[in-house]
Amino acid sequence: MKKEVKQLVWQLLVSGVRLLPGALVKQLCALAFDSRQSKSNAKEHLRTLLDIQFRLRWYIDQQAIICDGGVHPKHRLTDYHRFFVERISSGDTVLDIGCGCGALALSMARCGARVTGIDIDSSHIAKARSEFSCENVLYMVGDVTSNLPSGDFSVIVMSNVLEHLEKRALLLRSLVNKYSPRAILIRVPMSNRHWEVPLRQELGLPHFSDPTHCVEYTFESFMEEMKLAQLLPVFSDIIWGEIWAEVRSNNASGESIQLTGNKQNE
């Protein structure tokens, strides 16, 4: 009963706030923030502000997606599809793991590749099939950590996927052993993207950019994980606080592969 009452009170509060003019909401927020500018209990006030900031970023993301017609504006503002599209050729068969709503999968398909997009979230796949489909894209619901899809794939794409998984090196080796791809294209978030990250750690607050992340990387920890998975980067770059890399299976001969790209923001 208490839970139901709390939910009702929360719904009433949310409904009431929605009726307030935007200018008044901003003034109320400013008053609340001003009340946290204090030398007494400074750390506790800072924790509160950082927690609000974390929640606010989630709401900003959701509103940005709505404003951009259902796709996060980072797709167009950062032009991140280009990294993947430039490394895929017409005739490639691509497995896009964690394909989400399919925006990247469709971009890769438009360059002539046959793309299979897989995601654990059925609502993502439903959106992909209805809004980001074409004849050379196949979408499926699935969990690659328990069941790899059948087929032959020359390129594996993992865009903001590895950080959500526990046994990452094991999965990467499984992908290589099953498909023998010529390349795995990876994009992951960095842990040293901002000074607030270690500050959050000091204050005992969540410090990952997403609460569903199991890990976030430094350039060195990413390279160590690739080494553990017996993969060699043939290209790496750091842009927008993320590591972008093309990796391949380590040569049995032990021949080294030239590392290219930029190593920034360390």
C-alpha atoms as a PDB file:
ATOM      1  CA  MET A   1       0.000   0.000   0.000  1.00  0.00           C
ATOM      2  CA  LYS A   2       2.836   2.396   0.877  1.00  0.00           C
ATOM      3  CA  LYS A   3       4.433   1.738  -2.506  1.00  0.00           C
ATOM      4  CA  GLU A   4       1.173   2.521  -4.313  1.00  0.00           C
ATOM      5  CA  VAL A   5       0.785   5.771  -2.367  1.00  0.00           C
ATOM      6  CA  LYS A   6       4.356   6.789  -3.218  1.00  0.00           C
ATOM      7  CA  GLN A   7       3.739   6.077  -6.903  1.00  0.00           C
ATOM      8  CA  LEU A   8       0.534   8.127  -6.835  1.00  0.00           C
ATOM      9  CA  VAL A   9       2.251  11.059  -5.116  1.00  0.00           C
ATOM     10  CA  TRP A  10       5.106  10.898  -7.641  1.00  0.00           C
ATOM     11  CA  GLN A  11       2.676  10.868 -10.578  1.00  0.00           C
ATOM     12  CA  LEU A  12       0.868  13.891  -9.157  1.00  0.00           C
ATOM     13  CA  LEU A  13       4.159  15.746  -8.685  1.00  0.00           C
ATOM     14  CA  VAL A  14       5.282  14.967 -12.235  1.00  0.00           C
ATOM     15  CA  SER A  15       1.915  16.057 -13.626  1.00  0.00           C
ATOM     16  CA  GLY A  16       2.117  19.281 -11.626  1.00  0.00           C
ATOM     17  CA  VAL A  17       5.635  20.099 -12.813  1.00  0.00           C
ATOM     18  CA  ARG A  18       4.587  19.563 -16.434  1.00  0.00           C
ATOM     19  CA  LEU A  19       2.005  22.313 -16.013  1.00  0.00           C
ATOM     20  CA  LEU A  20       4.598  24.834 -14.821  1.00  0.00           C
ATOM     21  CA  PRO A  21       6.064  27.314 -17.331  1.00  0.00           C
ATOM     22  CA  GLY A  22       9.610  26.491 -18.419  1.00  0.00           C
ATOM     23  CA  ALA A  23      10.985  29.748 -16.986  1.00  0.00           C
ATOM     24  CA  LEU A  24       9.557  28.933 -13.544  1.00  0.00           C
ATOM     25  CA  VAL A  25      11.016  25.419 -13.633  1.00  0.00           C
ATOM     26  CA  LYS A  26      14.453  26.903 -14.394  1.00  0.00           C
ATOM     27  CA  GLN A  27      14.118  29.364 -11.500  1.00  0.00           C
ATOM     28  CA  LEU A  28      13.134  26.589  -9.091  1.00  0.00           C
ATOM     29  CA  CYS A  29      16.091  24.494 -10.236  1.00  0.00           C
ATOM     30  CA  ALA A  30      18.437  27.459  -9.815  1.00  0.00           C
ATOM     31  CA  LEU A  31      17.159  27.996  -6.258  1.00  0.00           C
ATOM     32  CA  ALA A  32      17.697  24.323  -5.471  1.00  0.00           C
ATOM     33  CA  PHE A  33      21.236  24.418  -6.859  1.00  0.00           C
ATOM     34  CA  ASP A  34      22.062  27.664  -5.037  1.00  0.00           C
ATOM     35  CA  SER A  35      21.053  26.012  -1.773  1.00  0.00           C
ATOM     36  CA  ARG A  36      23.785  23.418  -2.374  1.00  0.00           C
ATOM     37  CA  GLN A  37      26.562  26.035  -2.626  1.00  0.00           C
ATOM     38  CA  SER A  38      27.786  25.733   0.939  1.00  0.00           C
ATOM     39  CA  LYS A  39      31.040  25.104   2.806  1.00  0.00           C
ATOM     40  CA  SER A  40      29.206  23.141   5.473  1.00  0.00           C
ATOM     41  CA  ASN A  41      28.592  19.542   4.379  1.00  0.00           C
ATOM     42  CA  ALA A  42      30.389  20.456   1.154  1.00  0.00           C
ATOM     43  CA  LYS A  43      31.053  16.881   0.054  1.00  0.00           C
ATOM     44  CA  GLU A  44      27.469  15.809   0.668  1.00  0.00           C
ATOM     45  CA  HIS A  45      26.197  18.769  -1.360  1.00  0.00           C
ATOM     46  CA  LEU A  46      28.651  17.895  -4.132  1.00  0.00           C
ATOM     47  CA  ARG A  47      27.424  14.287  -4.152  1.00  0.00           C
ATOM     48  CA  THR A  48      23.854  15.529  -4.513  1.00  0.00           C
ATOM     49  CA  LEU A  49      24.727  17.833  -7.411  1.00  0.00           C
ATOM     50  CA  LEU A  50      26.681  15.111  -9.222  1.00  0.00           C
ATOM     51  CA  ASP A  51      23.800  12.678  -8.751  1.00  0.00           C
ATOM     52  CA  ILE A  52      21.372  15.230 -10.201  1.00  0.00           C
ATOM     53  CA  GLN A  53      23.757  15.800 -13.099  1.00  0.00           C
ATOM     54  CA  PHE A  54      23.909  12.057 -13.829  1.00  0.00           C
ATOM     55  CA  ARG A  55      20.113  11.790 -13.881  1.00  0.00           C
ATOM     56  CA  LEU A  56      19.778  14.975 -15.919  1.00  0.00           C
ATOM     57  CA  ARG A  57      22.085  13.618 -18.626  1.00  0.00           C
ATOM     58  CA  TRP A  58      19.782  10.624 -19.034  1.00  0.00           C
ATOM     59  CA  TYR A  59      16.780  12.921 -19.523  1.00  0.00           C
ATOM     60  CA  ILE A  60      18.759  15.063 -21.973  1.00  0.00           C
ATOM     61  CA  ASP A  61      19.589  11.948 -24.001  1.00  0.00           C
ATOM     62  CA  GLN A  62      15.941  10.885 -24.102  1.00  0.00           C
ATOM     63  CA  GLN A  63      14.706  14.338 -25.111  1.00  0.00           C
ATOM     64  CA  ALA A  64      17.437  14.627 -27.752  1.00  0.00           C
ATOM     65  CA  ILE A  65      16.285  11.319 -29.250  1.00  0.00           C
ATOM     66  CA  ILE A  66      12.703  12.600 -29.380  1.00  0.00           C
ATOM     67  CA  CYS A  67      13.817  15.860 -31.021  1.00  0.00           C
ATOM     68  CA  ASP A  68      15.789  13.944 -33.662  1.00  0.00           C
ATOM     69  CA  GLY A  69      12.905  11.713 -34.695  1.00  0.00           C
ATOM     70  CA  GLY A  70      13.747   8.663 -32.599  1.00  0.00           C
ATOM     71  CA  VAL A  71      17.500   8.418 -33.282  1.00  0.00           C
ATOM     72  CA  HIS A  72      20.163   9.851 -30.984  1.00  0.00           C
ATOM     73  CA  PRO A  73      21.669  13.004 -32.584  1.00  0.00           C
ATOM     74  CA  LYS A  74      25.174  11.652 -31.914  1.00  0.00           C
ATOM     75  CA  HIS A  75      24.717   9.560 -35.070  1.00  0.00           C
ATOM     76  CA  ARG A  76      24.760  12.689 -37.252  1.00  0.00           C
ATOM     77  CA  LEU A  77      26.709  15.136 -35.061  1.00  0.00           C
ATOM     78  CA  THR A  78      29.742  12.879 -34.566  1.00  0.00           C
ATOM     79  CA  ASP A  79      29.478  11.227 -38.007  1.00  0.00           C
ATOM     80  CA  TYR A  80      30.540   8.001 -36.316  1.00  0.00           C
ATOM     81  CA  HIS A  81      29.044   5.734 -38.992  1.00  0.00           C
ATOM     82  CA  ARG A  82      31.901   6.780 -41.284  1.00  0.00           C
ATOM     83  CA  PHE A  83      34.498   4.843 -39.248  1.00  0.00           C
ATOM     84  CA  PHE A  84      32.611   1.603 -39.893  1.00  0.00           C
ATOM     85  CA  VAL A  85      31.438   2.280 -43.446  1.00  0.00           C
ATOM     86  CA  GLU A  86      34.961   3.181 -44.642  1.00  0.00           C
ATOM     87  CA  ARG A  87      36.207  -0.228 -43.478  1.00  0.00           C
ATOM     88  CA  ILE A  88      33.507  -2.264 -45.191  1.00  0.00           C
ATOM     89  CA  SER A  89      33.505  -3.227 -48.860  1.00  0.00           C
ATOM     90  CA  SER A  90      30.704  -4.129 -51.225  1.00  0.00           C
ATOM     91  CA  GLY A  91      30.204  -7.859 -50.897  1.00  0.00           C
ATOM     92  CA  ASP A  92      31.248  -8.055 -47.251  1.00  0.00           C
ATOM     93  CA  THR A  93      29.038 -10.010 -44.876  1.00  0.00           C
ATOM     94  CA  VAL A  94      28.741  -8.085 -41.617  1.00  0.00           C
ATOM     95  CA  LEU A  95      27.553  -9.168 -38.183  1.00  0.00           C
ATOM     96  CA  ASP A  96      26.478  -6.070 -36.234  1.00  0.00           C
ATOM     97  CA  ILE A  97      26.368  -7.167 -32.592  1.00  0.00           C
ATOM     98  CA  GLY A  98      24.186  -4.992 -30.369  1.00  0.00           C
ATOM     99  CA  CYS A  99      22.738  -3.282 -33.429  1.00  0.00           C
ATOM    100  CA  GLY A 100      20.145  -1.320 -31.450  1.00  0.00           C
ATOM    101  CA  CYS A 101      17.552   0.336 -33.675  1.00  0.00           C
ATOM    102  CA  GLY A 102      19.581  -0.461 -36.810  1.00  0.00           C
ATOM    103  CA  ALA A 103      20.784   2.997 -37.879  1.00  0.00           C
ATOM    104  CA  LEU A 104      24.405   1.872 -38.288  1.00  0.00           C
ATOM    105  CA  ALA A 105      23.414  -1.450 -39.867  1.00  0.00           C
ATOM    106  CA  LEU A 106      21.467   0.385 -42.566  1.00  0.00           C
ATOM    107  CA  SER A 107      24.417   2.700 -43.298  1.00  0.00           C
ATOM    108  CA  MET A 108      26.683  -0.319 -43.795  1.00  0.00           C
ATOM    109  CA  ALA A 109      24.115  -2.064 -45.981  1.00  0.00           C
ATOM    110  CA  ARG A 110      23.868   0.984 -48.229  1.00  0.00           C
ATOM    111  CA  CYS A 111      27.530   0.567 -49.169  1.00  0.00           C
ATOM    112  CA  GLY A 112      26.781  -2.878 -50.596  1.00  0.00           C
ATOM    113  CA  ALA A 113      27.422  -5.158 -47.616  1.00  0.00           C
ATOM    114  CA  ARG A 114      25.033  -7.844 -46.454  1.00  0.00           C
ATOM    115  CA  VAL A 115      24.360  -7.078 -42.800  1.00  0.00           C
ATOM    116  CA  THR A 116      22.926  -9.181 -40.000  1.00  0.00           C
ATOM    117  CA  GLY A 117      22.004  -7.100 -36.976  1.00  0.00           C
ATOM    118  CA  ILE A 118      21.464  -8.832 -33.647  1.00  0.00           C
ATOM    119  CA  ASP A 119      20.280  -7.310 -30.380  1.00  0.00           C
ATOM    120  CA  ILE A 120      19.070  -8.713 -27.074  1.00  0.00           C
ATOM    121  CA  ASP A 121      16.257  -6.129 -26.869  1.00  0.00           C
ATOM    122  CA  SER A 122      13.207  -7.138 -28.919  1.00  0.00           C
ATOM    123  CA  SER A 123      11.884  -3.547 -28.946  1.00  0.00           C
ATOM    124  CA  HIS A 124      15.102  -2.387 -30.636  1.00  0.00           C
ATOM    125  CA  ILE A 125      14.743  -5.068 -33.299  1.00  0.00           C
ATOM    126  CA  ALA A 126      11.093  -4.159 -33.882  1.00  0.00           C
ATOM    127  CA  LYS A 127      12.107  -0.533 -34.476  1.00  0.00           C
ATOM    128  CA  ALA A 128      14.992  -1.609 -36.730  1.00  0.00           C
ATOM    129  CA  ARG A 129      12.699  -3.743 -38.882  1.00  0.00           C
ATOM    130  CA  SER A 130      10.117  -0.986 -39.237  1.00  0.00           C
ATOM    131  CA  GLU A 131      12.397   2.037 -39.734  1.00  0.00           C
ATOM    132  CA  PHE A 132      15.919   0.921 -40.745  1.00  0.00           C
ATOM    133  CA  SER A 133      15.412  -2.006 -43.060  1.00  0.00           C
ATOM    134  CA  CYS A 134      16.370  -2.828 -46.638  1.00  0.00           C
ATOM    135  CA  GLU A 135      16.706  -5.996 -48.709  1.00  0.00           C
ATOM    136  CA  ASN A 136      20.298  -6.746 -47.671  1.00  0.00           C
ATOM    137  CA  VAL A 137      19.746  -6.314 -43.909  1.00  0.00           C
ATOM    138  CA  LEU A 138      18.475  -9.058 -41.608  1.00  0.00           C
ATOM    139  CA  TYR A 139      17.575  -8.297 -38.004  1.00  0.00           C
ATOM    140  CA  MET A 140      17.220 -10.852 -35.227  1.00  0.00           C
ATOM    141  CA  VAL A 141      16.713 -10.968 -31.476  1.00  0.00           C
ATOM    142  CA  GLY A 142      19.504 -12.858 -29.755  1.00  0.00           C
ATOM    143  CA  ASP A 143      22.216 -12.986 -27.116  1.00  0.00           C
ATOM    144  CA  VAL A 144      25.673 -13.647 -28.564  1.00  0.00           C
ATOM    145  CA  THR A 145      27.061 -14.465 -25.122  1.00  0.00           C
ATOM    146  CA  SER A 146      25.008 -17.668 -25.110  1.00  0.00           C
ATOM    147  CA  ASN A 147      24.312 -18.436 -28.772  1.00  0.00           C
ATOM    148  CA  LEU A 148      26.253 -17.169 -31.789  1.00  0.00           C
ATOM    149  CA  PRO A 149      24.152 -16.877 -34.965  1.00  0.00           C
ATOM    150  CA  SER A 150      24.860 -19.202 -37.864  1.00  0.00           C
ATOM    151  CA  GLY A 151      26.423 -17.897 -41.058  1.00  0.00           C
ATOM    152  CA  ASP A 152      29.700 -16.669 -42.505  1.00  0.00           C
ATOM    153  CA  PHE A 153      30.820 -13.149 -41.637  1.00  0.00           C
ATOM    154  CA  SER A 154      33.848 -11.309 -42.979  1.00  0.00           C
ATOM    155  CA  VAL A 155      33.476  -8.341 -40.600  1.00  0.00           C
ATOM    156  CA  ILE A 156      32.230  -8.162 -37.007  1.00  0.00           C
ATOM    157  CA  VAL A 157      30.977  -4.809 -35.687  1.00  0.00           C
ATOM    158  CA  MET A 158      30.758  -4.064 -31.956  1.00  0.00           C
ATOM    159  CA  SER A 159      29.836  -0.398 -31.544  1.00  0.00           C
ATOM    160  CA  ASN A 160      29.479   0.440 -27.831  1.00  0.00           C
ATOM    161  CA  VAL A 161      28.905  -3.218 -26.980  1.00  0.00           C
ATOM    162  CA  LEU A 162      31.973  -4.664 -25.223  1.00  0.00           C
ATOM    163  CA  GLU A 163      31.555  -2.413 -22.190  1.00  0.00           C
ATOM    164  CA  HIS A 164      28.198  -4.065 -21.421  1.00  0.00           C
ATOM    165  CA  LEU A 165      29.694  -7.569 -21.210  1.00  0.00           C
ATOM    166  CA  GLU A 166      31.532  -9.510 -18.512  1.00  0.00           C
ATOM    167  CA  LYS A 167      33.520 -12.175 -20.406  1.00  0.00           C
ATOM    168  CA  ARG A 168      34.727  -9.972 -23.225  1.00  0.00           C
ATOM    169  CA  ALA A 169      37.989 -11.679 -24.210  1.00  0.00           C
ATOM    170  CA  LEU A 170      36.248 -15.062 -24.274  1.00  0.00           C
ATOM    171  CA  LEU A 171      33.517 -13.736 -26.577  1.00  0.00           C
ATOM    172  CA  LEU A 172      36.050 -12.128 -28.914  1.00  0.00           C
ATOM    173  CA  ARG A 173      37.951 -15.414 -29.228  1.00  0.00           C
ATOM    174  CA  SER A 174      34.673 -17.269 -29.834  1.00  0.00           C
ATOM    175  CA  LEU A 175      33.828 -14.869 -32.664  1.00  0.00           C
ATOM    176  CA  VAL A 176      37.242 -15.380 -34.269  1.00  0.00           C
ATOM    177  CA  ASN A 177      37.081 -19.161 -33.907  1.00  0.00           C
ATOM    178  CA  LYS A 178      33.575 -19.420 -35.374  1.00  0.00           C
ATOM    179  CA  TYR A 179      33.697 -16.876 -38.202  1.00  0.00           C
ATOM    180  CA  SER A 180      37.398 -16.168 -38.950  1.00  0.00           C
ATOM    181  CA  PRO A 181      36.567 -12.536 -39.848  1.00  0.00           C
ATOM    182  CA  ARG A 182      39.142 -10.398 -41.623  1.00  0.00           C
ATOM    183  CA  ALA A 183      38.375  -7.596 -39.154  1.00  0.00           C
ATOM    184  CA  ILE A 184      36.522  -6.748 -35.961  1.00  0.00           C
ATOM    185  CA  LEU A 185      35.495  -3.084 -35.693  1.00  0.00           C
ATOM    186  CA  ILE A 186      35.185  -1.869 -32.115  1.00  0.00           C
ATOM    187  CA  ARG A 187      34.059   1.337 -30.415  1.00  0.00           C
ATOM    188  CA  VAL A 188      34.210   1.644 -26.610  1.00  0.00           C
ATOM    189  CA  PRO A 189      33.968   4.473 -24.034  1.00  0.00           C
ATOM    190  CA  MET A 190      37.014   5.708 -22.135  1.00  0.00           C
ATOM    191  CA  SER A 191      37.206   5.953 -18.360  1.00  0.00           C
ATOM    192  CA  ASN A 192      39.580   8.943 -18.455  1.00  0.00           C
ATOM    193  CA  ARG A 193      37.257  11.032 -20.621  1.00  0.00           C
ATOM    194  CA  HIS A 194      36.742  13.751 -17.957  1.00  0.00           C
ATOM    195  CA  TRP A 195      38.106  14.834 -14.575  1.00  0.00           C
ATOM    196  CA  GLU A 196      34.686  14.199 -13.031  1.00  0.00           C
ATOM    197  CA  VAL A 197      35.193  10.439 -13.397  1.00  0.00           C
ATOM    198  CA  PRO A 198      37.910  10.114 -10.714  1.00  0.00           C
ATOM    199  CA  LEU A 199      36.049  12.698  -8.609  1.00  0.00           C
ATOM    200  CA  ARG A 200      32.957  10.494  -8.639  1.00  0.00           C
ATOM    201  CA  GLN A 201      35.108   7.541  -7.625  1.00  0.00           C
ATOM    202  CA  GLU A 202      36.542   9.526  -4.698  1.00  0.00           C
ATOM    203  CA  LEU A 203      33.031  10.396  -3.532  1.00  0.00           C
ATOM    204  CA  GLY A 204      31.793   6.817  -3.844  1.00  0.00           C
ATOM    205  CA  LEU A 205      29.394   7.629  -6.697  1.00  0.00           C
ATOM    206  CA  PRO A 206      28.727   5.653  -9.897  1.00  0.00           C
ATOM    207  CA  HIS A 207      31.382   6.787 -12.358  1.00  0.00           C
ATOM    208  CA  PHE A 208      30.534   4.921 -15.558  1.00  0.00           C
ATOM    209  CA  SER A 209      28.763   6.898 -18.286  1.00  0.00           C
ATOM    210  CA  ASP A 210      26.010   4.248 -18.318  1.00  0.00           C
ATOM    211  CA  PRO A 211      24.811   2.216 -15.299  1.00  0.00           C
ATOM    212  CA  THR A 212      24.700  -0.932 -17.460  1.00  0.00           C
ATOM    213  CA  HIS A 213      28.444  -0.767 -18.209  1.00  0.00           C
ATOM    214  CA  CYS A 214      30.691  -3.452 -16.741  1.00  0.00           C
ATOM    215  CA  VAL A 215      33.875  -1.629 -17.728  1.00  0.00           C
ATOM    216  CA  GLU A 216      35.199   1.560 -19.295  1.00  0.00           C
ATOM    217  CA  TYR A 217      38.704   1.780 -20.723  1.00  0.00           C
ATOM    218  CA  THR A 218      41.958   3.628 -20.763  1.00  0.00           C
ATOM    219  CA  PHE A 219      43.953   3.244 -23.968  1.00  0.00           C
ATOM    220  CA  GLU A 220      46.321   0.892 -22.120  1.00  0.00           C
ATOM    221  CA  SER A 221      43.596  -1.299 -20.597  1.00  0.00           C
ATOM    222  CA  PHE A 222      41.928  -1.635 -24.004  1.00  0.00           C
ATOM    223  CA  MET A 223      45.192  -2.780 -25.580  1.00  0.00           C
ATOM    224  CA  GLU A 224      45.710  -5.259 -22.740  1.00  0.00           C
ATOM    225  CA  GLU A 225      42.247  -6.699 -23.313  1.00  0.00           C
ATOM    226  CA  MET A 226      42.916  -7.072 -27.032  1.00  0.00           C
ATOM    227  CA  LYS A 227      46.170  -8.846 -26.190  1.00  0.00           C
ATOM    228  CA  LEU A 228      44.285 -11.174 -23.839  1.00  0.00           C
ATOM    229  CA  ALA A 229      41.861 -11.965 -26.682  1.00  0.00           C
ATOM    230  CA  GLN A 230      44.841 -12.583 -29.007  1.00  0.00           C
ATOM    231  CA  LEU A 231      43.832  -9.702 -31.252  1.00  0.00           C
ATOM    232  CA  LEU A 232      46.078  -7.076 -32.829  1.00  0.00           C
ATOM    233  CA  PRO A 233      44.914  -3.511 -33.531  1.00  0.00           C
ATOM    234  CA  VAL A 234      45.707  -2.464 -37.104  1.00  0.00           C
ATOM    235  CA  PHE A 235      44.103   0.932 -36.513  1.00  0.00           C
ATOM    236  CA  SER A 236      43.177   2.841 -33.371  1.00  0.00           C
ATOM    237  CA  ASP A 237      42.019   6.356 -32.655  1.00  0.00           C
ATOM    238  CA  ILE A 238      40.519   8.339 -29.784  1.00  0.00           C
ATOM    239  CA  ILE A 239      37.649  10.673 -30.668  1.00  0.00           C
ATOM    240  CA  TRP A 240      34.725  12.003 -28.603  1.00  0.00           C
ATOM    241  CA  GLY A 241      36.114  10.318 -25.470  1.00  0.00           C
ATOM    242  CA  GLU A 242      35.943   6.879 -27.086  1.00  0.00           C
ATOM    243  CA  ILE A 243      38.405   4.374 -28.527  1.00  0.00           C
ATOM    244  CA  TRP A 244      37.793   3.336 -32.130  1.00  0.00           C
ATOM    245  CA  ALA A 245      39.746   0.324 -33.338  1.00  0.00           C
ATOM    246  CA  GLU A 246      40.036  -2.200 -36.131  1.00  0.00           C
ATOM    247  CA  VAL A 247      41.485  -5.436 -34.778  1.00  0.00           C
ATOM    248  CA  ARG A 248      42.442  -8.737 -36.355  1.00  0.00           C
ATOM    249  CA  SER A 249      43.398 -12.154 -35.127  1.00  0.00           C
ATOM    250  CA  ASN A 250      47.020 -12.427 -34.042  1.00  0.00           C
ATOM    251  CA  ASN A 251      49.246 -14.012 -36.683  1.00  0.00           C
ATOM    252  CA  ALA A 252      50.319 -17.518 -35.817  1.00  0.00           C
ATOM    253  CA  SER A 253      53.801 -16.591 -37.060  1.00  0.00           C
ATOM    254  CA  GLY A 254      54.055 -13.843 -34.458  1.00  0.00           C
ATOM    255  CA  GLU A 255      54.585 -11.200 -37.158  1.00  0.00           C
ATOM    256  CA  SER A 256      53.797  -7.759 -35.812  1.00  0.00           C
ATOM    257  CA  ILE A 257      51.175  -5.569 -37.463  1.00  0.00           C
ATOM    258  CA  GLN A 258      51.779  -1.837 -37.884  1.00  0.00           C
ATOM    259  CA  LEU A 259      49.658   0.275 -35.540  1.00  0.00           C
ATOM    260  CA  THR A 260      48.168   3.327 -37.261  1.00  0.00           C
ATOM    261  CA  GLY A 261      45.843   6.135 -36.351  1.00  0.00           C
ATOM    262  CA  ASN A 262      46.087   8.628 -33.502  1.00  0.00           C
ATOM    263  CA  LYS A 263      46.585   8.062 -29.805  1.00  0.00           C
ATOM    264  CA  GLN A 264      45.019  11.165 -28.279  1.00  0.00           C
ATOM    265  CA  ASN A 265      43.766  12.461 -24.952  1.00  0.00           C
ATOM    266  CA  GLU A 266      45.885  10.174 -22.780  1.00  0.00           C
END
